[in-house]
PDB file of N, CA and C in Angstrom:
ATOM      1  N   PRO A   1     -17.429  28.291  13.505  1.00  0.00           N
ATOM      2  CA  PRO A   1     -16.988  27.925  12.165  1.00  0.00           C
ATOM      3  C   PRO A   1     -15.754  28.732  11.752  1.00  0.00           C
ATOM      4  N   VAL A   2     -15.021  28.192  10.824  1.00  0.00           N
ATOM      5  CA  VAL A   2     -13.884  28.891  10.243  1.00  0.00           C
ATOM      6  C   VAL A   2     -14.233  29.174   8.789  1.00  0.00           C
ATOM      7  N   TRP A   3     -14.228  30.440   8.411  1.00  0.00           N
ATOM      8  CA  TRP A   3     -14.584  30.872   7.065  1.00  0.00           C
ATOM      9  C   TRP A   3     -13.348  30.796   6.180  1.00  0.00           C
ATOM     10  N   VAL A   4     -13.560  30.555   4.889  1.00  0.00           N
ATOM     11  CA  VAL A   4     -12.435  30.438   3.961  1.00  0.00           C
ATOM     12  C   VAL A   4     -12.635  31.363   2.762  1.00  0.00           C
ATOM     13  N   PRO A   5     -11.540  31.933   2.227  1.00  0.00           N
ATOM     14  CA  PRO A   5     -11.660  32.857   1.094  1.00  0.00           C
ATOM     15  C   PRO A   5     -12.322  32.216  -0.129  1.00  0.00           C
ATOM     16  N   SER A   6     -12.094  30.935  -0.355  1.00  0.00           N
ATOM     17  CA  SER A   6     -12.678  30.286  -1.535  1.00  0.00           C
ATOM     18  C   SER A   6     -14.198  30.206  -1.466  1.00  0.00           C
ATOM     19  N   MET A   7     -14.773  30.392  -0.294  1.00  0.00           N
ATOM     20  CA  MET A   7     -16.220  30.347  -0.125  1.00  0.00           C
ATOM     21  C   MET A   7     -16.780  31.707   0.287  1.00  0.00           C
ATOM     22  N   SER A   8     -16.100  32.786  -0.120  1.00  0.00           N
ATOM     23  CA  SER A   8     -16.525  34.142   0.206  1.00  0.00           C
ATOM     24  C   SER A   8     -16.896  34.888  -1.064  1.00  0.00           C
ATOM     25  N   ALA A   9     -17.998  35.592  -1.015  1.00  0.00           N
ATOM     26  CA  ALA A   9     -18.409  36.416  -2.147  1.00  0.00           C
ATOM     27  C   ALA A   9     -17.501  37.634  -2.251  1.00  0.00           C
ATOM     28  N   PRO A  10     -17.424  38.249  -3.436  1.00  0.00           N
ATOM     29  CA  PRO A  10     -16.655  39.496  -3.565  1.00  0.00           C
ATOM     30  C   PRO A  10     -17.165  40.537  -2.561  1.00  0.00           C
ATOM     31  N   GLY A  11     -16.263  41.363  -2.043  1.00  0.00           N
ATOM     32  CA  GLY A  11     -16.654  42.396  -1.085  1.00  0.00           C
ATOM     33  C   GLY A  11     -16.510  41.953   0.355  1.00  0.00           C
ATOM     34  N   ILE A  12     -15.928  40.767   0.581  1.00  0.00           N
ATOM     35  CA  ILE A  12     -15.726  40.220   1.927  1.00  0.00           C
ATOM     36  C   ILE A  12     -14.234  40.019   2.150  1.00  0.00           C
ATOM     37  N   ALA A  13     -13.753  40.411   3.309  1.00  0.00           N
ATOM     38  CA  ALA A  13     -12.375  40.115   3.710  1.00  0.00           C
ATOM     39  C   ALA A  13     -12.429  39.297   4.995  1.00  0.00           C
ATOM     40  N   LEU A  14     -11.495  38.376   5.134  1.00  0.00           N
ATOM     41  CA  LEU A  14     -11.423  37.541   6.331  1.00  0.00           C
ATOM     42  C   LEU A  14     -10.156  37.878   7.097  1.00  0.00           C
ATOM     43  N   ASP A  15     -10.239  37.865   8.423  1.00  0.00           N
ATOM     44  CA  ASP A  15      -9.033  37.996   9.228  1.00  0.00           C
ATOM     45  C   ASP A  15      -9.160  37.100  10.455  1.00  0.00           C
ATOM     46  N   LEU A  16      -8.194  37.157  11.352  1.00  0.00           N
ATOM     47  CA  LEU A  16      -8.143  36.275  12.528  1.00  0.00           C
ATOM     48  C   LEU A  16      -8.210  34.809  12.110  1.00  0.00           C
ATOM     49  N   ASP A  17      -7.438  34.461  11.081  1.00  0.00           N
ATOM     50  CA  ASP A  17      -7.390  33.082  10.581  1.00  0.00           C
ATOM     51  C   ASP A  17      -8.775  32.546  10.203  1.00  0.00           C
ATOM     52  N   GLY A  18      -9.588  33.379   9.578  1.00  0.00           N
ATOM     53  CA  GLY A  18     -10.898  32.943   9.109  1.00  0.00           C
ATOM     54  C   GLY A  18     -11.986  32.984  10.149  1.00  0.00           C
ATOM     55  N   LYS A  19     -11.725  33.601  11.283  1.00  0.00           N
ATOM     56  CA  LYS A  19     -12.737  33.639  12.341  1.00  0.00           C
ATOM     57  C   LYS A  19     -13.488  34.966  12.406  1.00  0.00           C
ATOM     58  N   ARG A  20     -13.118  35.905  11.544  1.00  0.00           N
ATOM     59  CA  ARG A  20     -13.789  37.207  11.533  1.00  0.00           C
ATOM     60  C   ARG A  20     -14.051  37.613  10.094  1.00  0.00           C
ATOM     61  N   ILE A  21     -15.257  38.124   9.852  1.00  0.00           N
ATOM     62  CA  ILE A  21     -15.681  38.557   8.523  1.00  0.00           C
ATOM     63  C   ILE A  21     -15.787  40.075   8.531  1.00  0.00           C
ATOM     64  N   VAL A  22     -15.252  40.704   7.493  1.00  0.00           N
ATOM     65  CA  VAL A  22     -15.338  42.156   7.372  1.00  0.00           C
ATOM     66  C   VAL A  22     -15.859  42.483   5.973  1.00  0.00           C
ATOM     67  N   LYS A  23     -16.958  43.221   5.899  1.00  0.00           N
ATOM     68  CA  LYS A  23     -17.475  43.677   4.606  1.00  0.00           C
ATOM     69  C   LYS A  23     -16.634  44.868   4.177  1.00  0.00           C
ATOM     70  N   THR A  24     -16.043  44.796   2.993  1.00  0.00           N
ATOM     71  CA  THR A  24     -15.077  45.805   2.563  1.00  0.00           C
ATOM     72  C   THR A  24     -15.619  46.808   1.563  1.00  0.00           C
ATOM     73  N   GLU A  25     -16.803  46.613   1.069  1.00  0.00           N
ATOM     74  CA  GLU A  25     -17.314  47.522   0.051  1.00  0.00           C
ATOM     75  C   GLU A  25     -18.376  48.456   0.615  1.00  0.00           C
ATOM     76  N   GLU A  26     -18.524  49.586  -0.026  1.00  0.00           N
ATOM     77  CA  GLU A  26     -19.566  50.539   0.346  1.00  0.00           C
ATOM     78  C   GLU A  26     -20.890  50.083  -0.250  1.00  0.00           C
ATOM     79  N   GLY A  27     -21.965  50.564   0.273  1.00  0.00           N
ATOM     80  CA  GLY A  27     -23.277  50.252  -0.282  1.00  0.00           C
ATOM     81  C   GLY A  27     -23.970  49.147   0.489  1.00  0.00           C
ATOM     82  N   ASN A  28     -25.243  49.024   0.221  1.00  0.00           N
ATOM     83  CA  ASN A  28     -26.087  48.069   0.919  1.00  0.00           C
ATOM     84  C   ASN A  28     -26.266  46.820   0.058  1.00  0.00           C
ATOM     85  N   TYR A  29     -25.207  46.024  -0.076  1.00  0.00           N
ATOM     86  CA  TYR A  29     -25.242  44.819  -0.881  1.00  0.00           C
ATOM     87  C   TYR A  29     -25.125  43.602   0.021  1.00  0.00           C
ATOM     88  N   SER A  30     -25.884  42.575  -0.283  1.00  0.00           N
ATOM     89  CA  SER A  30     -25.776  41.328   0.471  1.00  0.00           C
ATOM     90  C   SER A  30     -24.571  40.554  -0.013  1.00  0.00           C
ATOM     91  N   ARG A  31     -23.811  40.012   0.899  1.00  0.00           N
ATOM     92  CA  ARG A  31     -22.644  39.200   0.582  1.00  0.00           C
ATOM     93  C   ARG A  31     -22.639  37.971   1.480  1.00  0.00           C
ATOM     94  N   CYS A  32     -22.257  36.828   0.936  1.00  0.00           N
ATOM     95  CA  CYS A  32     -22.259  35.573   1.679  1.00  0.00           C
ATOM     96  C   CYS A  32     -20.854  35.062   1.902  1.00  0.00           C
ATOM     97  N   VAL A  33     -20.701  34.323   2.978  1.00  0.00           N
ATOM     98  CA  VAL A  33     -19.461  33.617   3.276  1.00  0.00           C
ATOM     99  C   VAL A  33     -19.854  32.281   3.897  1.00  0.00           C
ATOM    100  N   SER A  34     -19.027  31.278   3.669  1.00  0.00           N
ATOM    101  CA  SER A  34     -19.377  29.938   4.133  1.00  0.00           C
ATOM    102  C   SER A  34     -18.120  29.185   4.560  1.00  0.00           C
ATOM    103  N   THR A  35     -18.330  28.050   5.161  1.00  0.00           N
ATOM    104  CA  THR A  35     -17.233  27.139   5.471  1.00  0.00           C
ATOM    105  C   THR A  35     -17.155  26.087   4.379  1.00  0.00           C
ATOM    106  N   GLU A  36     -16.010  25.447   4.251  1.00  0.00           N
ATOM    107  CA  GLU A  36     -15.885  24.322   3.330  1.00  0.00           C
ATOM    108  C   GLU A  36     -16.414  23.045   3.955  1.00  0.00           C
ATOM    109  N   LEU A  37     -16.447  23.017   5.268  1.00  0.00           N
ATOM    110  CA  LEU A  37     -16.894  21.848   5.998  1.00  0.00           C
ATOM    111  C   LEU A  37     -18.405  21.705   5.897  1.00  0.00           C
ATOM    112  N   GLY A  38     -18.861  20.552   5.514  1.00  0.00           N
ATOM    113  CA  GLY A  38     -20.288  20.291   5.443  1.00  0.00           C
ATOM    114  C   GLY A  38     -20.702  19.253   6.467  1.00  0.00           C
ATOM    115  N   TYR A  39     -21.980  19.137   6.687  1.00  0.00           N
ATOM    116  CA  TYR A  39     -22.527  18.185   7.642  1.00  0.00           C
ATOM    117  C   TYR A  39     -23.545  17.320   6.927  1.00  0.00           C
ATOM    118  N   ARG A  40     -23.340  16.012   6.976  1.00  0.00           N
ATOM    119  CA  ARG A  40     -24.236  15.099   6.274  1.00  0.00           C
ATOM    120  C   ARG A  40     -24.967  14.147   7.205  1.00  0.00           C
ATOM    121  N   SER A  41     -24.479  13.975   8.395  1.00  0.00           N
ATOM    122  CA  SER A  41     -25.083  13.018   9.315  1.00  0.00           C
ATOM    123  C   SER A  41     -26.355  13.588   9.907  1.00  0.00           C
ATOM    124  N   PRO A  42     -27.327  12.731  10.158  1.00  0.00           N
ATOM    125  CA  PRO A  42     -28.542  13.217  10.820  1.00  0.00           C
ATOM    126  C   PRO A  42     -28.219  13.620  12.257  1.00  0.00           C
ATOM    127  N   GLY A  43     -29.031  14.452  12.799  1.00  0.00           N
ATOM    128  CA  GLY A  43     -28.829  14.886  14.174  1.00  0.00           C
ATOM    129  C   GLY A  43     -28.971  16.380  14.304  1.00  0.00           C
ATOM    130  N   LYS A  44     -28.595  16.863  15.461  1.00  0.00           N
ATOM    131  CA  LYS A  44     -28.680  18.287  15.753  1.00  0.00           C
ATOM    132  C   LYS A  44     -27.278  18.851  15.858  1.00  0.00           C
ATOM    133  N   TYR A  45     -27.122  20.083  15.415  1.00  0.00           N
ATOM    134  CA  TYR A  45     -25.845  20.779  15.480  1.00  0.00           C
ATOM    135  C   TYR A  45     -26.069  22.138  16.114  1.00  0.00           C
ATOM    136  N   ILE A  46     -25.070  22.627  16.807  1.00  0.00           N
ATOM    137  CA  ILE A  46     -25.154  23.961  17.387  1.00  0.00           C
ATOM    138  C   ILE A  46     -23.974  24.783  16.886  1.00  0.00           C
ATOM    139  N   PHE A  47     -24.250  26.012  16.525  1.00  0.00           N
ATOM    140  CA  PHE A  47     -23.236  26.943  16.042  1.00  0.00           C
ATOM    141  C   PHE A  47     -23.376  28.230  16.839  1.00  0.00           C
ATOM    142  N   ALA A  48     -22.268  28.872  17.150  1.00  0.00           N
ATOM    143  CA  ALA A  48     -22.298  30.122  17.898  1.00  0.00           C
ATOM    144  C   ALA A  48     -21.662  31.225  17.067  1.00  0.00           C
ATOM    145  N   PHE A  49     -22.283  32.397  17.073  1.00  0.00           N
ATOM    146  CA  PHE A  49     -21.794  33.558  16.336  1.00  0.00           C
ATOM    147  C   PHE A  49     -21.814  34.767  17.250  1.00  0.00           C
ATOM    148  N   ALA A  50     -20.834  35.641  17.103  1.00  0.00           N
ATOM    149  CA  ALA A  50     -20.812  36.907  17.822  1.00  0.00           C
ATOM    150  C   ALA A  50     -20.710  38.020  16.784  1.00  0.00           C
ATOM    151  N   ILE A  51     -21.606  38.977  16.851  1.00  0.00           N
ATOM    152  CA  ILE A  51     -21.570  40.126  15.954  1.00  0.00           C
ATOM    153  C   ILE A  51     -20.993  41.278  16.760  1.00  0.00           C
ATOM    154  N   GLU A  52     -19.731  41.628  16.446  1.00  0.00           N
ATOM    155  CA  GLU A  52     -19.018  42.629  17.225  1.00  0.00           C
ATOM    156  C   GLU A  52     -19.436  44.046  16.888  1.00  0.00           C
ATOM    157  N   ASP A  53     -19.677  44.314  15.621  1.00  0.00           N
ATOM    158  CA  ASP A  53     -19.985  45.681  15.200  1.00  0.00           C
ATOM    159  C   ASP A  53     -20.897  45.601  13.994  1.00  0.00           C
ATOM    160  N   SER A  54     -22.017  46.272  14.067  1.00  0.00           N
ATOM    161  CA  SER A  54     -22.961  46.241  12.966  1.00  0.00           C
ATOM    162  C   SER A  54     -23.624  47.600  12.835  1.00  0.00           C
ATOM    163  N   LYS A  55     -23.698  48.064  11.614  1.00  0.00           N
ATOM    164  CA  LYS A  55     -24.426  49.296  11.356  1.00  0.00           C
ATOM    165  C   LYS A  55     -25.925  48.977  11.350  1.00  0.00           C
ATOM    166  N   GLN A  56     -26.735  49.959  11.647  1.00  0.00           N
ATOM    167  CA  GLN A  56     -28.175  49.760  11.607  1.00  0.00           C
ATOM    168  C   GLN A  56     -28.576  49.337  10.204  1.00  0.00           C
ATOM    169  N   GLN A  57     -29.493  48.411  10.100  1.00  0.00           N
ATOM    170  CA  GLN A  57     -29.948  47.864   8.822  1.00  0.00           C
ATOM    171  C   GLN A  57     -28.789  47.204   8.061  1.00  0.00           C
ATOM    172  N   ALA A  58     -27.939  46.469   8.776  1.00  0.00           N
ATOM    173  CA  ALA A  58     -26.771  45.841   8.165  1.00  0.00           C
ATOM    174  C   ALA A  58     -27.150  44.669   7.259  1.00  0.00           C
ATOM    175  N   GLY A  59     -28.343  44.148   7.387  1.00  0.00           N
ATOM    176  CA  GLY A  59     -28.757  43.053   6.521  1.00  0.00           C
ATOM    177  C   GLY A  59     -28.051  41.748   6.827  1.00  0.00           C
ATOM    178  N   ILE A  60     -27.861  41.424   8.095  1.00  0.00           N
ATOM    179  CA  ILE A  60     -27.156  40.204   8.466  1.00  0.00           C
ATOM    180  C   ILE A  60     -28.133  39.032   8.490  1.00  0.00           C
ATOM    181  N   PHE A  61     -27.747  37.976   7.791  1.00  0.00           N
ATOM    182  CA  PHE A  61     -28.504  36.733   7.755  1.00  0.00           C
ATOM    183  C   PHE A  61     -27.624  35.622   8.311  1.00  0.00           C
ATOM    184  N   LEU A  62     -28.202  34.695   9.041  1.00  0.00           N
ATOM    185  CA  LEU A  62     -27.529  33.473   9.442  1.00  0.00           C
ATOM    186  C   LEU A  62     -28.322  32.329   8.836  1.00  0.00           C
ATOM    187  N   GLY A  63     -27.624  31.330   8.299  1.00  0.00           N
ATOM    188  CA  GLY A  63     -28.373  30.253   7.677  1.00  0.00           C
ATOM    189  C   GLY A  63     -27.528  29.064   7.306  1.00  0.00           C
ATOM    190  N   VAL A  64     -28.150  28.179   6.576  1.00  0.00           N
ATOM    191  CA  VAL A  64     -27.495  26.974   6.074  1.00  0.00           C
ATOM    192  C   VAL A  64     -27.737  26.887   4.575  1.00  0.00           C
ATOM    193  N   ARG A  65     -26.893  26.080   3.908  1.00  0.00           N
ATOM    194  CA  ARG A  65     -26.995  25.972   2.461  1.00  0.00           C
ATOM    195  C   ARG A  65     -26.735  24.535   2.035  1.00  0.00           C
ATOM    196  N   THR A  66     -27.132  24.217   0.817  1.00  0.00           N
ATOM    197  CA  THR A  66     -26.754  22.947   0.218  1.00  0.00           C
ATOM    198  C   THR A  66     -25.414  23.133  -0.485  1.00  0.00           C
ATOM    199  N   SER A  67     -24.814  22.043  -0.907  1.00  0.00           N
ATOM    200  CA  SER A  67     -23.536  22.138  -1.627  1.00  0.00           C
ATOM    201  C   SER A  67     -23.723  22.714  -3.024  1.00  0.00           C
ATOM    202  N   ARG A  68     -24.954  22.846  -3.491  1.00  0.00           N
ATOM    203  CA  ARG A  68     -25.225  23.398  -4.825  1.00  0.00           C
ATOM    204  C   ARG A  68     -25.207  24.924  -4.867  1.00  0.00           C
ATOM    205  N   LEU A  69     -25.265  25.592  -3.720  1.00  0.00           N
ATOM    206  CA  LEU A  69     -25.274  27.058  -3.705  1.00  0.00           C
ATOM    207  C   LEU A  69     -23.959  27.584  -4.257  1.00  0.00           C
ATOM    208  N   ARG A  70     -24.029  28.528  -5.185  1.00  0.00           N
ATOM    209  CA  ARG A  70     -22.845  29.141  -5.786  1.00  0.00           C
ATOM    210  C   ARG A  70     -22.853  30.634  -5.492  1.00  0.00           C
ATOM    211  N   TYR A  71     -21.681  31.149  -5.147  1.00  0.00           N
ATOM    212  CA  TYR A  71     -21.531  32.572  -4.876  1.00  0.00           C
ATOM    213  C   TYR A  71     -21.170  33.310  -6.153  1.00  0.00           C
ATOM    214  N   SER A  72     -21.604  34.552  -6.217  1.00  0.00           N
ATOM    215  CA  SER A  72     -21.303  35.372  -7.390  1.00  0.00           C
ATOM    216  C   SER A  72     -21.152  36.814  -6.940  1.00  0.00           C
ATOM    217  N   GLY A  73     -20.900  37.705  -7.881  1.00  0.00           N
ATOM    218  CA  GLY A  73     -20.810  39.128  -7.588  1.00  0.00           C
ATOM    219  C   GLY A  73     -22.165  39.778  -7.425  1.00  0.00           C
ATOM    220  N   ASP A  74     -23.236  39.044  -7.718  1.00  0.00           N
ATOM    221  CA  ASP A  74     -24.582  39.584  -7.557  1.00  0.00           C
ATOM    222  C   ASP A  74     -24.910  39.730  -6.075  1.00  0.00           C
ATOM    223  N   SER A  75     -25.820  40.614  -5.774  1.00  0.00           N
ATOM    224  CA  SER A  75     -26.259  40.803  -4.403  1.00  0.00           C
ATOM    225  C   SER A  75     -27.266  39.713  -4.062  1.00  0.00           C
ATOM    226  N   THR A  76     -26.758  38.585  -3.583  1.00  0.00           N
ATOM    227  CA  THR A  76     -27.626  37.477  -3.198  1.00  0.00           C
ATOM    228  C   THR A  76     -27.428  37.162  -1.731  1.00  0.00           C
ATOM    229  N   PHE A  77     -28.386  36.475  -1.152  1.00  0.00           N
ATOM    230  CA  PHE A  77     -28.284  36.091   0.250  1.00  0.00           C
ATOM    231  C   PHE A  77     -28.845  34.689   0.418  1.00  0.00           C
ATOM    232  N   LEU A  78     -28.435  34.036   1.490  1.00  0.00           N
ATOM    233  CA  LEU A  78     -28.987  32.724   1.786  1.00  0.00           C
ATOM    234  C   LEU A  78     -30.499  32.862   1.909  1.00  0.00           C
ATOM    235  N   GLY A  79     -31.207  31.930   1.341  1.00  0.00           N
ATOM    236  CA  GLY A  79     -32.660  31.995   1.379  1.00  0.00           C
ATOM    237  C   GLY A  79     -33.262  32.590   0.125  1.00  0.00           C
ATOM    238  N   GLN A  80     -32.443  33.189  -0.718  1.00  0.00           N
ATOM    239  CA  GLN A  80     -32.953  33.765  -1.956  1.00  0.00           C
ATOM    240  C   GLN A  80     -33.224  32.666  -2.989  1.00  0.00           C
ATOM    241  N   THR A  81     -32.525  31.542  -2.866  1.00  0.00           N
ATOM    242  CA  THR A  81     -32.731  30.430  -3.781  1.00  0.00           C
ATOM    243  C   THR A  81     -33.186  29.198  -2.989  1.00  0.00           C
ATOM    244  N   ALA A  82     -33.521  28.137  -3.694  1.00  0.00           N
ATOM    245  CA  ALA A  82     -33.933  26.886  -3.054  1.00  0.00           C
ATOM    246  C   ALA A  82     -32.766  26.164  -2.400  1.00  0.00           C
ATOM    247  N   ASP A  83     -31.535  26.656  -2.595  1.00  0.00           N
ATOM    248  CA  ASP A  83     -30.351  26.011  -2.026  1.00  0.00           C
ATOM    249  C   ASP A  83     -29.906  26.632  -0.711  1.00  0.00           C
ATOM    250  N   GLY A  84     -30.752  27.441  -0.078  1.00  0.00           N
ATOM    251  CA  GLY A  84     -30.389  28.027   1.204  1.00  0.00           C
ATOM    252  C   GLY A  84     -31.598  28.400   2.044  1.00  0.00           C
ATOM    253  N   TRP A  85     -31.389  28.409   3.353  1.00  0.00           N
ATOM    254  CA  TRP A  85     -32.393  28.804   4.332  1.00  0.00           C
ATOM    255  C   TRP A  85     -31.733  29.809   5.244  1.00  0.00           C
ATOM    256  N   ALA A  86     -32.422  30.902   5.598  1.00  0.00           N
ATOM    257  CA  ALA A  86     -31.777  31.949   6.384  1.00  0.00           C
ATOM    258  C   ALA A  86     -32.743  32.610   7.362  1.00  0.00           C
ATOM    259  N   TYR A  87     -32.152  33.134   8.422  1.00  0.00           N
ATOM    260  CA  TYR A  87     -32.847  33.964   9.400  1.00  0.00           C
ATOM    261  C   TYR A  87     -32.257  35.370   9.285  1.00  0.00           C
ATOM    262  N   HIS A  88     -33.109  36.368   9.096  1.00  0.00           N
ATOM    263  CA  HIS A  88     -32.687  37.766   8.976  1.00  0.00           C
ATOM    264  C   HIS A  88     -32.780  38.405  10.351  1.00  0.00           C
ATOM    265  N   LEU A  89     -31.630  38.797  10.899  1.00  0.00           N
ATOM    266  CA  LEU A  89     -31.581  39.284  12.269  1.00  0.00           C
ATOM    267  C   LEU A  89     -32.429  40.539  12.493  1.00  0.00           C
ATOM    268  N   ALA A  90     -32.428  41.464  11.545  1.00  0.00           N
ATOM    269  CA  ALA A  90     -33.112  42.748  11.746  1.00  0.00           C
ATOM    270  C   ALA A  90     -34.633  42.638  11.707  1.00  0.00           C
ATOM    271  N   SER A  91     -35.167  41.641  10.995  1.00  0.00           N
ATOM    272  CA  SER A  91     -36.619  41.538  10.862  1.00  0.00           C
ATOM    273  C   SER A  91     -37.224  40.367  11.628  1.00  0.00           C
ATOM    274  N   GLY A  92     -36.415  39.361  11.962  1.00  0.00           N
ATOM    275  CA  GLY A  92     -36.947  38.162  12.617  1.00  0.00           C
ATOM    276  C   GLY A  92     -37.621  37.211  11.644  1.00  0.00           C
ATOM    277  N   LYS A  93     -37.462  37.442  10.350  1.00  0.00           N
ATOM    278  CA  LYS A  93     -38.089  36.596   9.328  1.00  0.00           C
ATOM    279  C   LYS A  93     -37.116  35.519   8.848  1.00  0.00           C
ATOM    280  N   THR A  94     -37.684  34.425   8.340  1.00  0.00           N
ATOM    281  CA  THR A  94     -36.879  33.394   7.693  1.00  0.00           C
ATOM    282  C   THR A  94     -37.109  33.477   6.191  1.00  0.00           C
ATOM    283  N   PHE A  95     -36.125  32.977   5.428  1.00  0.00           N
ATOM    284  CA  PHE A  95     -36.183  33.013   3.974  1.00  0.00           C
ATOM    285  C   PHE A  95     -35.775  31.663   3.402  1.00  0.00           C
ATOM    286  N   HIS A  96     -36.503  31.235   2.366  1.00  0.00           N
ATOM    287  CA  HIS A  96     -36.149  30.045   1.589  1.00  0.00           C
ATOM    288  C   HIS A  96     -36.808  30.177   0.219  1.00  0.00           C
ATOM    289  N   ALA A  97     -36.029  29.910  -0.816  1.00  0.00           N
ATOM    290  CA  ALA A  97     -36.516  29.967  -2.199  1.00  0.00           C
ATOM    291  C   ALA A  97     -37.173  31.315  -2.511  1.00  0.00           C
ATOM    292  N   GLY A  98     -36.629  32.383  -1.922  1.00  0.00           N
ATOM    293  CA  GLY A  98     -37.137  33.727  -2.191  1.00  0.00           C
ATOM    294  C   GLY A  98     -38.399  34.088  -1.436  1.00  0.00           C
ATOM    295  N   GLN A  99     -38.916  33.175  -0.627  1.00  0.00           N
ATOM    296  CA  GLN A  99     -40.129  33.436   0.142  1.00  0.00           C
ATOM    297  C   GLN A  99     -39.764  33.770   1.583  1.00  0.00           C
ATOM    298  N   GLU A 100     -40.416  34.751   2.156  1.00  0.00           N
ATOM    299  CA  GLU A 100     -40.152  35.100   3.543  1.00  0.00           C
ATOM    300  C   GLU A 100     -41.332  34.686   4.423  1.00  0.00           C
ATOM    301  N   SER A 101     -41.014  34.335   5.671  1.00  0.00           N
ATOM    302  CA  SER A 101     -42.030  33.938   6.643  1.00  0.00           C
ATOM    303  C   SER A 101     -41.720  34.564   7.989  1.00  0.00           C
ATOM    304  N   ASP A 102     -42.771  34.933   8.716  1.00  0.00           N
ATOM    305  CA  ASP A 102     -42.572  35.421  10.076  1.00  0.00           C
ATOM    306  C   ASP A 102     -42.027  34.279  10.925  1.00  0.00           C
ATOM    307  N   TYR A 103     -41.039  34.580  11.790  1.00  0.00           N
ATOM    308  CA  TYR A 103     -40.430  33.539  12.612  1.00  0.00           C
ATOM    309  C   TYR A 103     -40.341  33.946  14.077  1.00  0.00           C
ATOM    310  N   SER A 104     -39.721  35.106  14.347  1.00  0.00           N
ATOM    311  CA  SER A 104     -39.537  35.529  15.734  1.00  0.00           C
ATOM    312  C   SER A 104     -39.351  37.041  15.791  1.00  0.00           C
ATOM    313  N   ASP A 105     -39.116  37.523  16.988  1.00  0.00           N
ATOM    314  CA  ASP A 105     -38.775  38.927  17.145  1.00  0.00           C
ATOM    315  C   ASP A 105     -37.411  39.183  16.523  1.00  0.00           C
ATOM    316  N   PRO A 106     -37.150  40.399  16.073  1.00  0.00           N
ATOM    317  CA  PRO A 106     -35.808  40.718  15.575  1.00  0.00           C
ATOM    318  C   PRO A 106     -34.748  40.515  16.649  1.00  0.00           C
ATOM    319  N   ALA A 107     -33.531  40.182  16.226  1.00  0.00           N
ATOM    320  CA  ALA A 107     -32.416  40.033  17.161  1.00  0.00           C
ATOM    321  C   ALA A 107     -32.039  41.401  17.716  1.00  0.00           C
ATOM    322  N   LYS A 108     -31.490  41.400  18.921  1.00  0.00           N
ATOM    323  CA  LYS A 108     -31.045  42.653  19.533  1.00  0.00           C
ATOM    324  C   LYS A 108     -29.742  42.422  20.277  1.00  0.00           C
ATOM    325  N   SER A 109     -29.114  43.473  20.671  1.00  0.00           N
ATOM    326  CA  SER A 109     -27.832  43.397  21.371  1.00  0.00           C
ATOM    327  C   SER A 109     -27.960  42.509  22.602  1.00  0.00           C
ATOM    328  N   GLY A 110     -27.009  41.604  22.767  1.00  0.00           N
ATOM    329  CA  GLY A 110     -26.996  40.712  23.924  1.00  0.00           C
ATOM    330  C   GLY A 110     -27.712  39.397  23.723  1.00  0.00           C
ATOM    331  N   ASP A 111     -28.392  39.212  22.593  1.00  0.00           N
ATOM    332  CA  ASP A 111     -29.082  37.941  22.341  1.00  0.00           C
ATOM    333  C   ASP A 111     -28.071  36.804  22.249  1.00  0.00           C
ATOM    334  N   VAL A 112     -28.495  35.658  22.682  1.00  0.00           N
ATOM    335  CA  VAL A 112     -27.676  34.444  22.578  1.00  0.00           C
ATOM    336  C   VAL A 112     -28.440  33.411  21.778  1.00  0.00           C
TER     337      VAL A 112
END
């Protein structure tokens, strides 16, 4: 995916023409970034992500959202509202509408 500034929460910087995300603020705050491109057709989609550098307990979530999700300066993450679903890499849990569920083992270095 290619990330765009208009779909980035405060505290996020983009480089490499939108292909790299850098958290620019101190503190343990959740921040979201998204693409403008949406998918409406039925079927299966595959997305690939590489996490180059992450601090322990970085709070990285991967997920999908509806077009109704709005970003703000609040510390929110995909899965906190009914407009997003997320997988939390450090815990292996999924989130939707503020509810968490066990899903898999936590992600680790080298996972694909």
